[in-house]
Amino acid sequence: QYEVAHVPGTWNIPLSMLAGWAGWLVDYERPVYLIGQREQLAEAVRILHKIGVDEVAGYFDAEAVAASGLASEHYRSATPVEIEGQIASGDVRLIDVRSNAELNEGFIPNAEHYFLGRLPENLNRVPQNLPVVAQCLGGARSAIAASILQAAGFDVINLTGGYGAWKRDGLATEKHARQHAVSSQH
């Protein structure tokens, strides 16, 4: 839903991933506002309070937001086969948001590594001169990354199916030390 229409400047952290990623990504010094289904509100607030995000300042019903016309932004997605040539030619910048352990299992040639949990603090290191393709293992974390990148002004594309789909499609991968990687996870 977020990919198709969302409020400009918002981040997408699905409820099922909220506990795992809000702790990394949310600024604890600023109030948080939620957009979602009304029946998800209590659970989202409970999860956020559980990880120390105490200031949930407001909530917007997703259907009301959609009906208002405020959800005026979207981003593109592309399958590995659709975007492979642009990645190989350097016409887009590929951002791999997986962990170091996942990266050690293999990566897509030309990928730059920016661990999702540290992406907001490293946005100034990502040049904005090319469209950015966000990529993880299956496409869920890269959807979060795509929302963060787009909110920061990047032209973003989410890699549908991520590294898993890339491998299933039989496209080239690498597994050696990455000299061009920008790793921000320690």
N, C-alpha and C. Protein backbone atom coordinates (compact mmCIF):
# COMPACT_ATOMS: atom_id res chain seq x y z
N GLN A 1 0.82 -1.20 0.00
CA GLN A 1 0.00 0.00 0.00
C GLN A 1 0.86 1.25 0.00
N TYR A 2 1.90 1.24 0.82
CA TYR A 2 2.76 2.42 0.93
C TYR A 2 3.43 2.73 -0.41
N GLU A 3 3.89 1.70 -1.10
CA GLU A 3 4.55 1.90 -2.39
C GLU A 3 3.66 2.66 -3.36
N VAL A 4 2.39 2.33 -3.38
CA VAL A 4 1.45 2.89 -4.33
C VAL A 4 1.04 4.32 -3.98
N ALA A 5 0.86 4.61 -2.69
CA ALA A 5 0.43 5.96 -2.29
C ALA A 5 0.74 6.19 -0.82
N HIS A 6 1.48 7.25 -0.54
CA HIS A 6 1.78 7.61 0.85
C HIS A 6 1.97 9.12 0.97
N VAL A 7 1.94 9.57 2.20
CA VAL A 7 2.13 10.99 2.50
C VAL A 7 3.62 11.31 2.35
N PRO A 8 3.96 12.33 1.56
CA PRO A 8 5.37 12.70 1.40
C PRO A 8 6.04 12.95 2.75
N GLY A 9 7.27 12.46 2.86
CA GLY A 9 8.05 12.67 4.08
C GLY A 9 7.85 11.63 5.16
N THR A 10 6.92 10.69 4.95
CA THR A 10 6.68 9.65 5.96
C THR A 10 7.58 8.45 5.72
N TRP A 11 7.76 7.66 6.76
CA TRP A 11 8.53 6.41 6.68
C TRP A 11 7.57 5.25 6.82
N ASN A 12 7.90 4.16 6.20
CA ASN A 12 7.09 2.95 6.21
C ASN A 12 7.76 1.88 7.06
N ILE A 13 7.22 1.64 8.24
CA ILE A 13 7.65 0.50 9.06
C ILE A 13 6.38 -0.29 9.37
N PRO A 14 6.16 -1.39 8.66
CA PRO A 14 4.94 -2.18 8.90
C PRO A 14 4.86 -2.67 10.34
N LEU A 15 3.65 -2.84 10.83
CA LEU A 15 3.42 -3.28 12.20
C LEU A 15 4.20 -4.55 12.52
N SER A 16 4.25 -5.49 11.59
CA SER A 16 4.95 -6.75 11.83
C SER A 16 6.45 -6.57 12.00
N MET A 17 6.98 -5.43 11.59
CA MET A 17 8.42 -5.17 11.69
C MET A 17 8.73 -4.03 12.66
N LEU A 18 7.71 -3.51 13.31
CA LEU A 18 7.86 -2.31 14.14
C LEU A 18 8.82 -2.53 15.30
N ALA A 19 8.68 -3.62 16.02
CA ALA A 19 9.55 -3.87 17.18
C ALA A 19 11.01 -3.97 16.75
N GLY A 20 11.26 -4.62 15.65
CA GLY A 20 12.63 -4.83 15.20
C GLY A 20 13.30 -3.60 14.62
N TRP A 21 12.54 -2.72 13.99
CA TRP A 21 13.18 -1.61 13.28
C TRP A 21 12.92 -0.23 13.86
N ALA A 22 11.83 -0.02 14.56
CA ALA A 22 11.58 1.31 15.13
C ALA A 22 12.68 1.69 16.12
N GLY A 23 13.15 0.72 16.88
CA GLY A 23 14.22 0.99 17.85
C GLY A 23 15.49 1.51 17.19
N TRP A 24 15.79 1.04 16.02
CA TRP A 24 16.95 1.49 15.26
C TRP A 24 16.69 2.85 14.60
N LEU A 25 15.49 3.05 14.10
CA LEU A 25 15.25 4.14 13.16
C LEU A 25 14.57 5.37 13.73
N VAL A 26 13.73 5.21 14.73
CA VAL A 26 12.96 6.32 15.27
C VAL A 26 13.84 7.22 16.13
N ASP A 27 13.68 8.51 15.97
CA ASP A 27 14.38 9.50 16.80
C ASP A 27 13.63 9.61 18.13
N TYR A 28 14.23 9.13 19.20
CA TYR A 28 13.59 9.10 20.51
C TYR A 28 13.36 10.49 21.09
N GLU A 29 13.99 11.50 20.51
CA GLU A 29 13.86 12.86 21.00
C GLU A 29 12.71 13.63 20.34
N ARG A 30 12.06 13.02 19.37
CA ARG A 30 10.98 13.69 18.65
C ARG A 30 9.69 12.90 18.80
N PRO A 31 8.55 13.58 18.78
CA PRO A 31 7.28 12.86 18.85
C PRO A 31 7.06 12.02 17.59
N VAL A 32 6.36 10.91 17.76
CA VAL A 32 6.05 10.01 16.66
C VAL A 32 4.56 10.11 16.34
N TYR A 33 4.25 10.14 15.07
CA TYR A 33 2.87 10.10 14.59
C TYR A 33 2.70 8.84 13.77
N LEU A 34 1.58 8.19 13.90
CA LEU A 34 1.33 6.93 13.21
C LEU A 34 0.25 7.09 12.16
N ILE A 35 0.41 6.37 11.06
CA ILE A 35 -0.64 6.23 10.05
C ILE A 35 -0.88 4.74 9.91
N GLY A 36 -2.11 4.32 10.08
CA GLY A 36 -2.39 2.89 9.97
C GLY A 36 -3.87 2.60 10.12
N GLN A 37 -4.18 1.33 10.17
CA GLN A 37 -5.56 0.90 10.39
C GLN A 37 -5.90 1.13 11.87
N ARG A 38 -7.09 1.60 12.13
CA ARG A 38 -7.52 1.92 13.50
C ARG A 38 -7.30 0.74 14.45
N GLU A 39 -7.58 -0.47 13.97
CA GLU A 39 -7.43 -1.65 14.84
C GLU A 39 -5.97 -1.99 15.15
N GLN A 40 -5.03 -1.35 14.47
CA GLN A 40 -3.60 -1.58 14.73
C GLN A 40 -3.02 -0.60 15.75
N LEU A 41 -3.72 0.46 16.05
CA LEU A 41 -3.18 1.53 16.88
C LEU A 41 -2.71 1.05 18.25
N ALA A 42 -3.55 0.36 18.99
CA ALA A 42 -3.18 -0.06 20.34
C ALA A 42 -1.93 -0.94 20.32
N GLU A 43 -1.85 -1.84 19.37
CA GLU A 43 -0.68 -2.72 19.28
C GLU A 43 0.58 -1.93 18.91
N ALA A 44 0.46 -1.00 17.98
CA ALA A 44 1.61 -0.19 17.58
C ALA A 44 2.12 0.64 18.75
N VAL A 45 1.22 1.26 19.48
CA VAL A 45 1.62 2.06 20.64
C VAL A 45 2.26 1.16 21.70
N ARG A 46 1.69 -0.01 21.94
CA ARG A 46 2.26 -0.95 22.92
C ARG A 46 3.68 -1.33 22.53
N ILE A 47 3.90 -1.64 21.27
CA ILE A 47 5.23 -2.02 20.79
C ILE A 47 6.20 -0.86 20.97
N LEU A 48 5.78 0.33 20.57
CA LEU A 48 6.67 1.48 20.68
C LEU A 48 7.01 1.78 22.13
N HIS A 49 6.04 1.72 23.02
CA HIS A 49 6.32 1.94 24.45
C HIS A 49 7.26 0.89 24.99
N LYS A 50 7.09 -0.33 24.54
CA LYS A 50 7.93 -1.45 25.00
C LYS A 50 9.41 -1.22 24.67
N ILE A 51 9.69 -0.53 23.56
CA ILE A 51 11.09 -0.27 23.20
C ILE A 51 11.54 1.14 23.58
N GLY A 52 10.73 1.83 24.36
CA GLY A 52 11.14 3.12 24.90
C GLY A 52 10.73 4.34 24.10
N VAL A 53 9.90 4.16 23.07
CA VAL A 53 9.39 5.30 22.31
C VAL A 53 8.09 5.70 23.01
N ASP A 54 8.21 6.67 23.91
CA ASP A 54 7.09 7.02 24.78
C ASP A 54 6.18 8.11 24.23
N GLU A 55 6.69 8.94 23.32
CA GLU A 55 5.90 10.07 22.86
C GLU A 55 5.25 9.79 21.50
N VAL A 56 4.15 9.04 21.52
CA VAL A 56 3.33 8.86 20.33
C VAL A 56 2.30 9.99 20.39
N ALA A 57 2.53 11.00 19.56
CA ALA A 57 1.78 12.24 19.67
C ALA A 57 0.47 12.26 18.90
N GLY A 58 0.29 11.30 17.99
CA GLY A 58 -0.94 11.31 17.23
C GLY A 58 -1.05 10.12 16.31
N TYR A 59 -2.25 9.96 15.76
CA TYR A 59 -2.55 8.83 14.90
C TYR A 59 -3.48 9.30 13.78
N PHE A 60 -3.23 8.79 12.58
CA PHE A 60 -4.07 9.10 11.44
C PHE A 60 -4.56 7.80 10.83
N ASP A 61 -5.85 7.69 10.61
CA ASP A 61 -6.42 6.51 10.00
C ASP A 61 -6.00 6.45 8.53
N ALA A 62 -5.45 5.31 8.11
CA ALA A 62 -4.92 5.16 6.75
C ALA A 62 -5.99 5.41 5.68
N GLU A 63 -7.19 4.94 5.93
CA GLU A 63 -8.26 5.15 4.95
C GLU A 63 -8.64 6.62 4.83
N ALA A 64 -8.67 7.32 5.95
CA ALA A 64 -8.99 8.75 5.93
C ALA A 64 -7.87 9.53 5.23
N VAL A 65 -6.64 9.15 5.46
CA VAL A 65 -5.51 9.80 4.80
C VAL A 65 -5.61 9.59 3.29
N ALA A 66 -5.90 8.35 2.87
CA ALA A 66 -6.04 8.07 1.44
C ALA A 66 -7.18 8.88 0.83
N ALA A 67 -8.30 8.95 1.52
CA ALA A 67 -9.47 9.68 1.01
C ALA A 67 -9.21 11.18 0.94
N SER A 68 -8.32 11.68 1.80
CA SER A 68 -8.05 13.12 1.84
C SER A 68 -7.20 13.61 0.67
N GLY A 69 -6.54 12.70 0.00
CA GLY A 69 -5.65 13.08 -1.08
C GLY A 69 -4.24 13.41 -0.62
N LEU A 70 -3.99 13.31 0.68
CA LEU A 70 -2.65 13.61 1.20
C LEU A 70 -1.62 12.55 0.84
N ALA A 71 -2.06 11.35 0.53
CA ALA A 71 -1.16 10.27 0.14
C ALA A 71 -0.85 10.42 -1.34
N SER A 72 -0.04 11.41 -1.66
CA SER A 72 0.17 11.82 -3.04
C SER A 72 1.50 11.35 -3.64
N GLU A 73 2.26 10.59 -2.88
CA GLU A 73 3.57 10.18 -3.37
C GLU A 73 3.62 8.66 -3.51
N HIS A 74 4.48 8.18 -4.38
CA HIS A 74 4.70 6.74 -4.56
C HIS A 74 6.16 6.54 -4.96
N TYR A 75 6.59 5.29 -4.96
CA TYR A 75 7.91 4.99 -5.53
C TYR A 75 7.78 3.79 -6.44
N ARG A 76 8.79 3.59 -7.25
CA ARG A 76 8.79 2.50 -8.21
C ARG A 76 9.40 1.24 -7.62
N SER A 77 9.03 0.12 -8.16
CA SER A 77 9.67 -1.16 -7.87
C SER A 77 10.10 -1.75 -9.19
N ALA A 78 11.12 -2.59 -9.13
CA ALA A 78 11.59 -3.28 -10.33
C ALA A 78 12.07 -4.67 -9.94
N THR A 79 11.84 -5.61 -10.82
CA THR A 79 12.34 -6.96 -10.60
C THR A 79 13.83 -6.99 -10.92
N PRO A 80 14.53 -8.01 -10.45
CA PRO A 80 15.95 -8.11 -10.78
C PRO A 80 16.22 -8.06 -12.29
N VAL A 81 15.45 -8.79 -13.06
CA VAL A 81 15.66 -8.83 -14.51
C VAL A 81 15.43 -7.44 -15.13
N GLU A 82 14.43 -6.72 -14.64
CA GLU A 82 14.13 -5.39 -15.18
C GLU A 82 15.24 -4.37 -14.90
N ILE A 83 15.92 -4.49 -13.77
CA ILE A 83 16.87 -3.45 -13.35
C ILE A 83 18.33 -3.87 -13.47
N GLU A 84 18.59 -5.15 -13.76
CA GLU A 84 19.96 -5.66 -13.81
C GLU A 84 20.88 -4.83 -14.71
N GLY A 85 20.43 -4.50 -15.90
CA GLY A 85 21.26 -3.75 -16.84
C GLY A 85 21.63 -2.37 -16.32
N GLN A 86 20.68 -1.70 -15.68
CA GLN A 86 20.95 -0.36 -15.14
C GLN A 86 21.94 -0.43 -13.97
N ILE A 87 21.85 -1.49 -13.16
CA ILE A 87 22.80 -1.66 -12.06
C ILE A 87 24.19 -1.92 -12.63
N ALA A 88 24.29 -2.83 -13.59
CA ALA A 88 25.58 -3.19 -14.18
C ALA A 88 26.23 -2.00 -14.88
N SER A 89 25.44 -1.16 -15.53
CA SER A 89 25.99 -0.02 -16.28
C SER A 89 26.27 1.18 -15.39
N GLY A 90 25.81 1.15 -14.14
CA GLY A 90 26.03 2.29 -13.24
C GLY A 90 25.03 3.41 -13.45
N ASP A 91 23.92 3.12 -14.14
CA ASP A 91 22.89 4.15 -14.35
C ASP A 91 22.04 4.38 -13.11
N VAL A 92 22.12 3.46 -12.15
CA VAL A 92 21.46 3.59 -10.86
C VAL A 92 22.47 3.19 -9.79
N ARG A 93 22.24 3.62 -8.58
CA ARG A 93 23.09 3.26 -7.44
C ARG A 93 22.34 2.20 -6.64
N LEU A 94 22.96 1.05 -6.40
CA LEU A 94 22.35 -0.04 -5.65
C LEU A 94 22.78 0.04 -4.20
N ILE A 95 21.81 0.13 -3.30
CA ILE A 95 22.05 0.21 -1.86
C ILE A 95 21.56 -1.09 -1.22
N ASP A 96 22.49 -1.86 -0.66
CA ASP A 96 22.19 -3.12 0.03
C ASP A 96 22.05 -2.81 1.52
N VAL A 97 20.87 -3.04 2.11
CA VAL A 97 20.62 -2.65 3.50
C VAL A 97 20.67 -3.83 4.46
N ARG A 98 21.19 -4.96 4.00
CA ARG A 98 21.25 -6.16 4.84
C ARG A 98 22.37 -6.05 5.88
N SER A 99 22.41 -7.01 6.78
CA SER A 99 23.45 -7.04 7.81
C SER A 99 24.77 -7.52 7.21
N ASN A 100 25.86 -7.34 7.95
CA ASN A 100 27.16 -7.83 7.51
C ASN A 100 27.15 -9.34 7.33
N ALA A 101 26.50 -10.05 8.23
CA ALA A 101 26.45 -11.52 8.12
C ALA A 101 25.78 -11.94 6.82
N GLU A 102 24.70 -11.29 6.44
CA GLU A 102 24.04 -11.59 5.18
C GLU A 102 24.93 -11.23 4.00
N LEU A 103 25.60 -10.12 4.10
CA LEU A 103 26.48 -9.66 3.04
C LEU A 103 27.60 -10.67 2.80
N ASN A 104 28.09 -11.27 3.88
CA ASN A 104 29.16 -12.27 3.77
C ASN A 104 28.72 -13.51 3.00
N GLU A 105 27.42 -13.74 2.90
CA GLU A 105 26.88 -14.87 2.15
C GLU A 105 26.87 -14.60 0.65
N GLY A 106 27.00 -13.35 0.27
CA GLY A 106 27.01 -12.96 -1.13
C GLY A 106 26.29 -11.65 -1.33
N PHE A 107 26.58 -10.99 -2.44
CA PHE A 107 25.99 -9.69 -2.73
C PHE A 107 25.92 -9.48 -4.23
N ILE A 108 25.17 -8.50 -4.63
CA ILE A 108 25.01 -8.14 -6.04
C ILE A 108 26.18 -7.24 -6.44
N PRO A 109 26.81 -7.52 -7.58
CA PRO A 109 27.91 -6.65 -8.01
C PRO A 109 27.44 -5.19 -8.09
N ASN A 110 28.33 -4.29 -7.71
CA ASN A 110 28.13 -2.83 -7.69
C ASN A 110 27.30 -2.35 -6.50
N ALA A 111 26.91 -3.24 -5.60
CA ALA A 111 26.13 -2.80 -4.43
C ALA A 111 27.01 -2.05 -3.45
N GLU A 112 26.41 -1.03 -2.85
CA GLU A 112 27.03 -0.30 -1.75
C GLU A 112 26.28 -0.71 -0.49
N HIS A 113 26.99 -0.96 0.59
CA HIS A 113 26.35 -1.44 1.81
C HIS A 113 26.09 -0.31 2.79
N TYR A 114 24.82 -0.15 3.13
CA TYR A 114 24.38 0.77 4.18
C TYR A 114 23.37 -0.01 5.01
N PHE A 115 23.78 -0.54 6.14
CA PHE A 115 22.89 -1.30 7.01
C PHE A 115 21.65 -0.48 7.34
N LEU A 116 20.47 -1.09 7.20
CA LEU A 116 19.21 -0.38 7.39
C LEU A 116 19.15 0.36 8.72
N GLY A 117 19.58 -0.26 9.79
CA GLY A 117 19.50 0.36 11.11
C GLY A 117 20.29 1.64 11.24
N ARG A 118 21.28 1.82 10.39
CA ARG A 118 22.10 3.02 10.43
C ARG A 118 21.91 3.92 9.20
N LEU A 119 20.96 3.57 8.36
CA LEU A 119 20.75 4.34 7.14
C LEU A 119 20.44 5.82 7.40
N PRO A 120 19.52 6.16 8.31
CA PRO A 120 19.22 7.59 8.50
C PRO A 120 20.44 8.43 8.86
N GLU A 121 21.33 7.89 9.66
CA GLU A 121 22.51 8.66 10.06
C GLU A 121 23.58 8.69 8.97
N ASN A 122 23.42 7.91 7.93
CA ASN A 122 24.40 7.87 6.85
C ASN A 122 23.87 8.40 5.52
N LEU A 123 22.70 9.00 5.52
CA LEU A 123 22.12 9.50 4.28
C LEU A 123 23.02 10.52 3.59
N ASN A 124 23.75 11.28 4.36
CA ASN A 124 24.64 12.30 3.77
C ASN A 124 25.81 11.66 3.01
N ARG A 125 26.02 10.37 3.19
CA ARG A 125 27.11 9.67 2.48
C ARG A 125 26.63 9.07 1.16
N VAL A 126 25.33 9.09 0.91
CA VAL A 126 24.77 8.53 -0.32
C VAL A 126 24.57 9.67 -1.33
N PRO A 127 25.35 9.67 -2.41
CA PRO A 127 25.17 10.73 -3.41
C PRO A 127 23.78 10.66 -4.04
N GLN A 128 23.24 11.83 -4.39
CA GLN A 128 21.89 11.90 -4.96
C GLN A 128 21.89 12.12 -6.47
N ASN A 129 23.02 11.89 -7.13
CA ASN A 129 23.10 12.18 -8.55
C ASN A 129 22.47 11.11 -9.44
N LEU A 130 22.12 9.96 -8.88
CA LEU A 130 21.50 8.87 -9.63
C LEU A 130 20.30 8.33 -8.87
N PRO A 131 19.37 7.70 -9.56
CA PRO A 131 18.31 6.98 -8.84
C PRO A 131 18.95 5.90 -7.96
N VAL A 132 18.33 5.64 -6.82
CA VAL A 132 18.84 4.66 -5.87
C VAL A 132 17.91 3.45 -5.84
N VAL A 133 18.49 2.27 -5.98
CA VAL A 133 17.75 1.02 -5.88
C VAL A 133 18.01 0.46 -4.48
N ALA A 134 16.97 0.30 -3.68
CA ALA A 134 17.09 -0.26 -2.34
C ALA A 134 16.92 -1.77 -2.43
N GLN A 135 17.77 -2.51 -1.71
CA GLN A 135 17.77 -3.97 -1.81
C GLN A 135 18.09 -4.60 -0.47
N CYS A 136 17.35 -5.67 -0.13
CA CYS A 136 17.64 -6.50 1.03
C CYS A 136 17.56 -7.95 0.58
N LEU A 137 17.19 -8.86 1.47
CA LEU A 137 17.10 -10.26 1.08
C LEU A 137 15.81 -10.56 0.32
N GLY A 138 14.66 -10.05 0.83
CA GLY A 138 13.39 -10.41 0.22
C GLY A 138 12.52 -9.25 -0.23
N GLY A 139 12.87 -8.04 0.14
CA GLY A 139 12.11 -6.88 -0.30
C GLY A 139 11.41 -6.10 0.81
N ALA A 140 11.32 -6.65 2.02
CA ALA A 140 10.61 -5.96 3.10
C ALA A 140 11.47 -4.85 3.72
N ARG A 141 12.70 -5.17 4.09
CA ARG A 141 13.57 -4.13 4.68
C ARG A 141 13.91 -3.06 3.65
N SER A 142 14.04 -3.47 2.39
CA SER A 142 14.34 -2.47 1.36
C SER A 142 13.15 -1.53 1.15
N ALA A 143 11.94 -2.00 1.43
CA ALA A 143 10.76 -1.12 1.36
C ALA A 143 10.85 -0.05 2.46
N ILE A 144 11.32 -0.45 3.63
CA ILE A 144 11.55 0.53 4.70
C ILE A 144 12.62 1.52 4.25
N ALA A 145 13.73 0.99 3.72
CA ALA A 145 14.83 1.84 3.25
C ALA A 145 14.35 2.78 2.15
N ALA A 146 13.53 2.27 1.23
CA ALA A 146 13.02 3.11 0.15
C ALA A 146 12.24 4.30 0.71
N SER A 147 11.46 4.06 1.76
CA SER A 147 10.68 5.16 2.35
C SER A 147 11.60 6.20 2.99
N ILE A 148 12.66 5.74 3.65
CA ILE A 148 13.61 6.65 4.29
C ILE A 148 14.36 7.46 3.23
N LEU A 149 14.81 6.78 2.19
CA LEU A 149 15.54 7.45 1.11
C LEU A 149 14.65 8.46 0.39
N GLN A 150 13.42 8.06 0.08
CA GLN A 150 12.53 8.98 -0.62
C GLN A 150 12.20 10.19 0.24
N ALA A 151 11.96 9.99 1.52
CA ALA A 151 11.67 11.11 2.42
C ALA A 151 12.84 12.09 2.49
N ALA A 152 14.05 11.59 2.22
CA ALA A 152 15.24 12.43 2.23
C ALA A 152 15.52 13.06 0.86
N GLY A 153 14.63 12.82 -0.11
CA GLY A 153 14.77 13.47 -1.40
C GLY A 153 15.37 12.64 -2.52
N PHE A 154 15.61 11.36 -2.28
CA PHE A 154 16.18 10.50 -3.31
C PHE A 154 15.10 10.02 -4.28
N ASP A 155 15.50 9.81 -5.53
CA ASP A 155 14.69 9.13 -6.53
C ASP A 155 14.94 7.64 -6.27
N VAL A 156 13.93 6.92 -5.81
CA VAL A 156 14.16 5.57 -5.28
C VAL A 156 13.35 4.52 -6.03
N ILE A 157 13.96 3.33 -6.11
CA ILE A 157 13.33 2.14 -6.69
C ILE A 157 13.56 1.01 -5.70
N ASN A 158 12.51 0.23 -5.39
CA ASN A 158 12.67 -0.92 -4.51
C ASN A 158 12.88 -2.16 -5.37
N LEU A 159 13.90 -2.96 -5.03
CA LEU A 159 14.17 -4.19 -5.77
C LEU A 159 13.21 -5.28 -5.29
N THR A 160 12.25 -5.62 -6.12
CA THR A 160 11.23 -6.61 -5.79
C THR A 160 11.89 -7.98 -5.56
N GLY A 161 11.65 -8.55 -4.39
CA GLY A 161 12.19 -9.87 -4.09
C GLY A 161 13.62 -9.87 -3.61
N GLY A 162 14.30 -8.73 -3.68
CA GLY A 162 15.63 -8.57 -3.14
C GLY A 162 16.68 -9.54 -3.69
N TYR A 163 17.69 -9.76 -2.85
CA TYR A 163 18.81 -10.63 -3.22
C TYR A 163 18.33 -12.06 -3.48
N GLY A 164 17.33 -12.51 -2.75
CA GLY A 164 16.79 -13.85 -2.96
C GLY A 164 16.26 -14.02 -4.37
N ALA A 165 15.49 -13.05 -4.86
CA ALA A 165 14.96 -13.12 -6.22
C ALA A 165 16.09 -12.99 -7.24
N TRP A 166 17.07 -12.16 -6.94
CA TRP A 166 18.22 -11.98 -7.83
C TRP A 166 18.91 -13.34 -8.05
N LYS A 167 19.14 -14.05 -6.94
CA LYS A 167 19.78 -15.37 -7.04
C LYS A 167 18.88 -16.37 -7.76
N ARG A 168 17.59 -16.38 -7.43
CA ARG A 168 16.65 -17.31 -8.08
C ARG A 168 16.59 -17.08 -9.59
N ASP A 169 16.79 -15.83 -10.00
CA ASP A 169 16.79 -15.51 -11.42
C ASP A 169 18.12 -15.87 -12.10
N GLY A 170 19.08 -16.36 -11.31
CA GLY A 170 20.36 -16.79 -11.86
C GLY A 170 21.28 -15.65 -12.26
N LEU A 171 21.09 -14.47 -11.67
CA LEU A 171 21.92 -13.32 -12.01
C LEU A 171 23.22 -13.35 -11.20
N ALA A 172 24.22 -12.64 -11.68
CA ALA A 172 25.56 -12.67 -11.10
C ALA A 172 25.56 -12.17 -9.66
N THR A 173 26.32 -12.86 -8.82
CA THR A 173 26.57 -12.43 -7.44
C THR A 173 28.06 -12.54 -7.16
N GLU A 174 28.47 -11.90 -6.10
CA GLU A 174 29.88 -11.96 -5.67
C GLU A 174 29.92 -12.39 -4.22
N LYS A 175 31.09 -12.88 -3.81
CA LYS A 175 31.21 -13.34 -2.43
C LYS A 175 32.57 -13.02 -1.83
N HIS A 176 33.35 -12.15 -2.46
CA HIS A 176 34.67 -11.82 -1.93
C HIS A 176 34.64 -10.48 -1.22
N ALA A 177 35.79 -10.09 -0.66
CA ALA A 177 35.88 -8.80 0.04
C ALA A 177 35.50 -7.67 -0.90
N ARG A 178 34.75 -6.74 -0.39
CA ARG A 178 34.21 -5.66 -1.21
C ARG A 178 35.01 -4.39 -0.97
N GLN A 179 35.74 -3.98 -1.96
CA GLN A 179 36.55 -2.78 -1.80
C GLN A 179 35.74 -1.51 -2.02
N HIS A 180 34.66 -1.59 -2.78
CA HIS A 180 33.87 -0.38 -3.07
C HIS A 180 32.69 -0.22 -2.11
N ALA A 181 32.55 -1.15 -1.18
CA ALA A 181 31.40 -1.10 -0.28
C ALA A 181 31.55 0.04 0.71
N VAL A 182 30.44 0.62 1.06
CA VAL A 182 30.39 1.63 2.10
C VAL A 182 29.65 0.96 3.25
N SER A 183 30.40 0.44 4.20
CA SER A 183 29.76 -0.28 5.30
C SER A 183 29.67 0.63 6.50
N SER A 184 28.48 0.77 7.01
CA SER A 184 28.26 1.63 8.17
C SER A 184 27.79 0.84 9.37
N GLN A 185 27.97 -0.46 9.33
CA GLN A 185 27.60 -1.30 10.47
C GLN A 185 28.89 -1.79 11.12
N HIS A 186 28.96 -1.70 12.41
CA HIS A 186 30.16 -2.13 13.13
C HIS A 186 29.86 -3.31 14.02
